[in-house]
Amino acid sequence: MMTFATDAPQSCGIVVEDDKGIVRDFHEKSPNPPGNRANAAVYVFEPEIIKFLESLGRSTIDLSTEVLPRYLGRIRTHFNTMYHRDIGTPNSLRKAELEFPPL
């Protein structure tokens, strides 16, 4: 799982990880998140995860609420130190557009 530092932790899935970069807890859009290390929703899955997703038998699956909690303690993170911004709200999209205006 790629993670990044967010300036709006209430609007993101916040990751709590140990000193080895293993996810120990996950807080999806919590009003009082325990930090600002956010899930960037970029993953590398082992075949076991793909099989689990297939076993659910659905075309739509919420990774944040249905999958990640099941694998706590087994998810490694990579902290992205380069630019990354969640653009899932109109306000965050505007911020990204200001930070990177069209050419």
N, C-alpha and C. Protein backbone atom coordinates (compact mmCIF):
# COMPACT_ATOMS: atom_id res chain seq x y z
N MET A 1 0.84 -1.17 0.00
CA MET A 1 0.00 0.00 0.00
C MET A 1 0.89 1.24 0.00
N MET A 2 0.64 2.13 -0.95
CA MET A 2 1.35 3.39 -0.93
C MET A 2 0.63 4.33 0.03
N THR A 3 1.41 5.09 0.81
CA THR A 3 0.85 6.07 1.73
C THR A 3 1.47 7.44 1.43
N PHE A 4 0.81 8.47 1.95
CA PHE A 4 1.30 9.84 1.78
C PHE A 4 0.85 10.68 2.96
N ALA A 5 1.48 11.81 3.17
CA ALA A 5 1.08 12.75 4.21
C ALA A 5 -0.03 13.63 3.65
N THR A 6 -1.15 13.69 4.35
CA THR A 6 -2.29 14.48 3.88
C THR A 6 -2.50 15.69 4.77
N ASP A 7 -3.02 16.77 4.16
CA ASP A 7 -3.39 17.95 4.94
C ASP A 7 -4.88 17.92 5.30
N ALA A 8 -5.56 16.84 4.95
CA ALA A 8 -6.99 16.68 5.27
C ALA A 8 -7.25 15.25 5.75
N PRO A 9 -6.70 14.87 6.91
CA PRO A 9 -6.82 13.47 7.34
C PRO A 9 -8.25 13.00 7.60
N GLN A 10 -9.18 13.90 7.89
CA GLN A 10 -10.56 13.49 8.13
C GLN A 10 -11.23 12.96 6.87
N SER A 11 -10.70 13.33 5.71
CA SER A 11 -11.32 12.91 4.45
C SER A 11 -10.62 11.72 3.81
N CYS A 12 -9.66 11.12 4.52
CA CYS A 12 -8.88 10.01 3.96
C CYS A 12 -8.96 8.79 4.87
N GLY A 13 -8.50 7.68 4.34
CA GLY A 13 -8.26 6.50 5.16
C GLY A 13 -6.89 6.67 5.80
N ILE A 14 -6.83 6.71 7.12
CA ILE A 14 -5.58 6.96 7.82
C ILE A 14 -5.00 5.64 8.31
N VAL A 15 -3.72 5.48 8.05
CA VAL A 15 -2.99 4.25 8.35
C VAL A 15 -2.17 4.45 9.61
N VAL A 16 -2.23 3.46 10.50
CA VAL A 16 -1.33 3.41 11.65
C VAL A 16 -0.41 2.23 11.40
N GLU A 17 0.89 2.52 11.34
CA GLU A 17 1.85 1.46 11.02
C GLU A 17 2.92 1.36 12.09
N ASP A 18 3.56 0.20 12.14
CA ASP A 18 4.63 0.02 13.11
C ASP A 18 5.96 0.50 12.52
N ASP A 19 7.04 0.33 13.25
CA ASP A 19 8.34 0.83 12.81
C ASP A 19 8.90 0.07 11.60
N LYS A 20 8.26 -1.03 11.23
CA LYS A 20 8.68 -1.78 10.04
C LYS A 20 7.80 -1.48 8.83
N GLY A 21 6.85 -0.55 8.98
CA GLY A 21 5.97 -0.19 7.87
C GLY A 21 4.83 -1.16 7.66
N ILE A 22 4.45 -1.89 8.70
CA ILE A 22 3.32 -2.82 8.61
C ILE A 22 2.07 -2.12 9.17
N VAL A 23 0.97 -2.20 8.43
CA VAL A 23 -0.26 -1.56 8.87
C VAL A 23 -0.84 -2.32 10.06
N ARG A 24 -1.00 -1.61 11.16
CA ARG A 24 -1.56 -2.18 12.39
C ARG A 24 -2.99 -1.77 12.63
N ASP A 25 -3.38 -0.61 12.08
CA ASP A 25 -4.75 -0.13 12.24
C ASP A 25 -5.08 0.76 11.06
N PHE A 26 -6.37 0.90 10.79
CA PHE A 26 -6.82 1.68 9.65
C PHE A 26 -8.11 2.39 10.03
N HIS A 27 -8.18 3.68 9.77
CA HIS A 27 -9.34 4.51 10.13
C HIS A 27 -9.86 5.19 8.87
N GLU A 28 -10.99 4.73 8.39
CA GLU A 28 -11.56 5.25 7.15
C GLU A 28 -12.42 6.49 7.43
N LYS A 29 -11.94 7.63 6.95
CA LYS A 29 -12.66 8.91 7.05
C LYS A 29 -13.20 9.16 8.46
N SER A 30 -12.32 9.08 9.42
CA SER A 30 -12.66 9.28 10.83
C SER A 30 -12.68 10.77 11.15
N PRO A 31 -13.64 11.22 11.98
CA PRO A 31 -13.67 12.65 12.35
C PRO A 31 -12.46 13.06 13.20
N ASN A 32 -11.85 12.10 13.90
CA ASN A 32 -10.67 12.38 14.73
C ASN A 32 -9.58 11.35 14.42
N PRO A 33 -8.98 11.44 13.24
CA PRO A 33 -7.98 10.43 12.87
C PRO A 33 -6.72 10.53 13.74
N PRO A 34 -6.04 9.41 13.93
CA PRO A 34 -4.86 9.39 14.80
C PRO A 34 -3.56 9.82 14.13
N GLY A 35 -3.65 10.54 13.04
CA GLY A 35 -2.45 10.99 12.34
C GLY A 35 -2.80 11.52 10.98
N ASN A 36 -1.78 11.66 10.12
CA ASN A 36 -2.02 12.17 8.77
C ASN A 36 -1.39 11.30 7.68
N ARG A 37 -1.01 10.08 8.03
CA ARG A 37 -0.45 9.14 7.04
C ARG A 37 -1.63 8.47 6.36
N ALA A 38 -1.86 8.81 5.10
CA ALA A 38 -3.07 8.38 4.40
C ALA A 38 -2.79 7.25 3.41
N ASN A 39 -3.80 6.42 3.21
CA ASN A 39 -3.79 5.38 2.20
C ASN A 39 -3.93 6.06 0.84
N ALA A 40 -2.97 5.87 -0.04
CA ALA A 40 -3.02 6.47 -1.37
C ALA A 40 -3.83 5.63 -2.35
N ALA A 41 -4.33 4.48 -1.92
CA ALA A 41 -5.13 3.58 -2.75
C ALA A 41 -4.35 3.09 -3.97
N VAL A 42 -3.06 2.88 -3.78
CA VAL A 42 -2.20 2.26 -4.78
C VAL A 42 -1.65 1.01 -4.13
N TYR A 43 -1.94 -0.15 -4.72
CA TYR A 43 -1.61 -1.42 -4.09
C TYR A 43 -0.85 -2.34 -5.03
N VAL A 44 -0.08 -3.24 -4.44
CA VAL A 44 0.46 -4.40 -5.13
C VAL A 44 -0.11 -5.59 -4.36
N PHE A 45 -0.92 -6.39 -5.04
CA PHE A 45 -1.59 -7.52 -4.38
C PHE A 45 -0.87 -8.83 -4.63
N GLU A 46 -0.82 -9.64 -3.60
CA GLU A 46 -0.39 -11.04 -3.73
C GLU A 46 -1.56 -11.82 -4.35
N PRO A 47 -1.29 -12.94 -5.00
CA PRO A 47 -2.37 -13.75 -5.58
C PRO A 47 -3.45 -14.13 -4.56
N GLU A 48 -3.07 -14.31 -3.30
CA GLU A 48 -4.04 -14.65 -2.25
C GLU A 48 -5.14 -13.60 -2.15
N ILE A 49 -4.80 -12.34 -2.30
CA ILE A 49 -5.79 -11.26 -2.20
C ILE A 49 -6.74 -11.32 -3.39
N ILE A 50 -6.21 -11.55 -4.57
CA ILE A 50 -7.06 -11.64 -5.76
C ILE A 50 -8.05 -12.78 -5.59
N LYS A 51 -7.59 -13.92 -5.08
CA LYS A 51 -8.49 -15.06 -4.85
C LYS A 51 -9.57 -14.70 -3.84
N PHE A 52 -9.19 -13.97 -2.78
CA PHE A 52 -10.17 -13.55 -1.79
C PHE A 52 -11.22 -12.64 -2.43
N LEU A 53 -10.77 -11.67 -3.22
CA LEU A 53 -11.72 -10.77 -3.89
C LEU A 53 -12.67 -11.54 -4.79
N GLU A 54 -12.13 -12.48 -5.54
CA GLU A 54 -12.98 -13.31 -6.41
C GLU A 54 -13.98 -14.12 -5.61
N SER A 55 -13.57 -14.59 -4.43
CA SER A 55 -14.45 -15.42 -3.61
C SER A 55 -15.67 -14.65 -3.10
N LEU A 56 -15.58 -13.33 -3.07
CA LEU A 56 -16.72 -12.53 -2.62
C LEU A 56 -17.86 -12.54 -3.63
N GLY A 57 -17.53 -12.83 -4.89
CA GLY A 57 -18.57 -12.99 -5.91
C GLY A 57 -19.34 -11.73 -6.24
N ARG A 58 -18.71 -10.59 -6.09
CA ARG A 58 -19.40 -9.33 -6.38
C ARG A 58 -18.55 -8.50 -7.33
N SER A 59 -19.20 -7.64 -8.09
CA SER A 59 -18.46 -6.77 -9.02
C SER A 59 -17.96 -5.51 -8.33
N THR A 60 -18.55 -5.16 -7.18
CA THR A 60 -18.13 -3.97 -6.43
C THR A 60 -17.73 -4.37 -5.03
N ILE A 61 -16.51 -4.01 -4.65
CA ILE A 61 -15.99 -4.33 -3.32
C ILE A 61 -15.31 -3.09 -2.78
N ASP A 62 -15.60 -2.74 -1.53
CA ASP A 62 -14.97 -1.59 -0.89
C ASP A 62 -13.71 -2.08 -0.17
N LEU A 63 -12.56 -1.80 -0.76
CA LEU A 63 -11.30 -2.26 -0.17
C LEU A 63 -11.10 -1.72 1.24
N SER A 64 -11.47 -0.47 1.46
CA SER A 64 -11.22 0.17 2.75
C SER A 64 -12.00 -0.46 3.90
N THR A 65 -13.21 -0.91 3.63
CA THR A 65 -14.03 -1.46 4.72
C THR A 65 -14.16 -2.98 4.69
N GLU A 66 -13.98 -3.59 3.51
CA GLU A 66 -14.19 -5.03 3.40
C GLU A 66 -12.91 -5.85 3.29
N VAL A 67 -11.82 -5.23 2.89
CA VAL A 67 -10.60 -6.00 2.64
C VAL A 67 -9.47 -5.60 3.59
N LEU A 68 -9.13 -4.34 3.64
CA LEU A 68 -8.00 -3.90 4.46
C LEU A 68 -8.11 -4.34 5.92
N PRO A 69 -9.26 -4.19 6.57
CA PRO A 69 -9.34 -4.63 7.97
C PRO A 69 -9.02 -6.12 8.15
N ARG A 70 -9.34 -6.92 7.18
CA ARG A 70 -9.09 -8.37 7.26
C ARG A 70 -7.60 -8.70 7.24
N TYR A 71 -6.80 -7.82 6.61
CA TYR A 71 -5.38 -8.09 6.43
C TYR A 71 -4.46 -7.22 7.30
N LEU A 72 -5.01 -6.58 8.33
CA LEU A 72 -4.17 -5.79 9.23
C LEU A 72 -3.06 -6.68 9.79
N GLY A 73 -1.87 -6.12 9.89
CA GLY A 73 -0.72 -6.88 10.35
C GLY A 73 0.01 -7.61 9.24
N ARG A 74 -0.58 -7.59 8.01
CA ARG A 74 0.05 -8.27 6.87
C ARG A 74 0.21 -7.35 5.67
N ILE A 75 -0.04 -6.05 5.87
CA ILE A 75 0.06 -5.09 4.77
C ILE A 75 1.32 -4.25 4.97
N ARG A 76 2.18 -4.26 3.98
CA ARG A 76 3.39 -3.42 4.01
C ARG A 76 3.08 -2.08 3.32
N THR A 77 3.75 -1.04 3.79
CA THR A 77 3.53 0.27 3.20
C THR A 77 4.78 0.79 2.51
N HIS A 78 4.54 1.70 1.58
CA HIS A 78 5.61 2.47 0.95
C HIS A 78 5.17 3.92 1.05
N PHE A 79 5.95 4.74 1.78
CA PHE A 79 5.60 6.15 1.96
C PHE A 79 6.08 6.95 0.76
N ASN A 80 5.16 7.60 0.07
CA ASN A 80 5.46 8.41 -1.09
C ASN A 80 5.92 9.79 -0.62
N THR A 81 7.18 10.11 -0.84
CA THR A 81 7.71 11.40 -0.42
C THR A 81 7.57 12.46 -1.51
N MET A 82 7.09 12.05 -2.67
CA MET A 82 6.87 13.00 -3.76
C MET A 82 5.44 13.54 -3.64
N TYR A 83 5.05 14.40 -4.53
CA TYR A 83 3.72 15.01 -4.48
C TYR A 83 2.62 13.95 -4.65
N HIS A 84 1.63 14.03 -3.79
CA HIS A 84 0.43 13.19 -3.92
C HIS A 84 -0.70 13.92 -3.23
N ARG A 85 -1.83 14.05 -3.88
CA ARG A 85 -2.99 14.69 -3.27
C ARG A 85 -4.23 13.90 -3.63
N ASP A 86 -5.04 13.64 -2.63
CA ASP A 86 -6.35 13.02 -2.84
C ASP A 86 -7.23 14.06 -3.53
N ILE A 87 -7.85 13.72 -4.64
CA ILE A 87 -8.72 14.67 -5.34
C ILE A 87 -10.17 14.18 -5.35
N GLY A 88 -10.56 13.53 -4.25
CA GLY A 88 -11.90 12.95 -4.16
C GLY A 88 -13.00 13.92 -3.78
N THR A 89 -12.66 15.18 -3.51
CA THR A 89 -13.68 16.19 -3.21
C THR A 89 -13.45 17.40 -4.11
N PRO A 90 -14.48 18.19 -4.35
CA PRO A 90 -14.27 19.39 -5.17
C PRO A 90 -13.19 20.32 -4.60
N ASN A 91 -13.16 20.47 -3.28
CA ASN A 91 -12.16 21.33 -2.65
C ASN A 91 -10.74 20.80 -2.87
N SER A 92 -10.54 19.51 -2.69
CA SER A 92 -9.19 18.96 -2.88
C SER A 92 -8.78 18.99 -4.36
N LEU A 93 -9.73 18.84 -5.26
CA LEU A 93 -9.42 18.97 -6.69
C LEU A 93 -8.98 20.40 -7.01
N ARG A 94 -9.68 21.39 -6.44
CA ARG A 94 -9.28 22.79 -6.65
C ARG A 94 -7.86 23.05 -6.15
N LYS A 95 -7.53 22.48 -4.98
CA LYS A 95 -6.17 22.65 -4.45
C LYS A 95 -5.14 22.07 -5.42
N ALA A 96 -5.43 20.90 -5.95
CA ALA A 96 -4.50 20.27 -6.90
C ALA A 96 -4.36 21.12 -8.16
N GLU A 97 -5.46 21.68 -8.63
CA GLU A 97 -5.41 22.52 -9.82
C GLU A 97 -4.59 23.80 -9.57
N LEU A 98 -4.67 24.32 -8.35
CA LEU A 98 -3.86 25.50 -8.00
C LEU A 98 -2.38 25.14 -7.89
N GLU A 99 -2.12 23.97 -7.37
CA GLU A 99 -0.74 23.53 -7.21
C GLU A 99 -0.09 23.14 -8.54
N PHE A 100 -0.91 22.65 -9.47
CA PHE A 100 -0.43 22.26 -10.79
C PHE A 100 -1.38 22.81 -11.86
N PRO A 101 -1.28 24.12 -12.15
CA PRO A 101 -2.18 24.69 -13.15
C PRO A 101 -1.95 24.10 -14.53
N PRO A 102 -2.99 24.08 -15.37
CA PRO A 102 -2.83 23.58 -16.75
C PRO A 102 -1.77 24.37 -17.49
N LEU A 103 -1.09 23.72 -18.39
CA LEU A 103 -0.06 24.39 -19.20
C LEU A 103 -0.66 25.33 -20.22
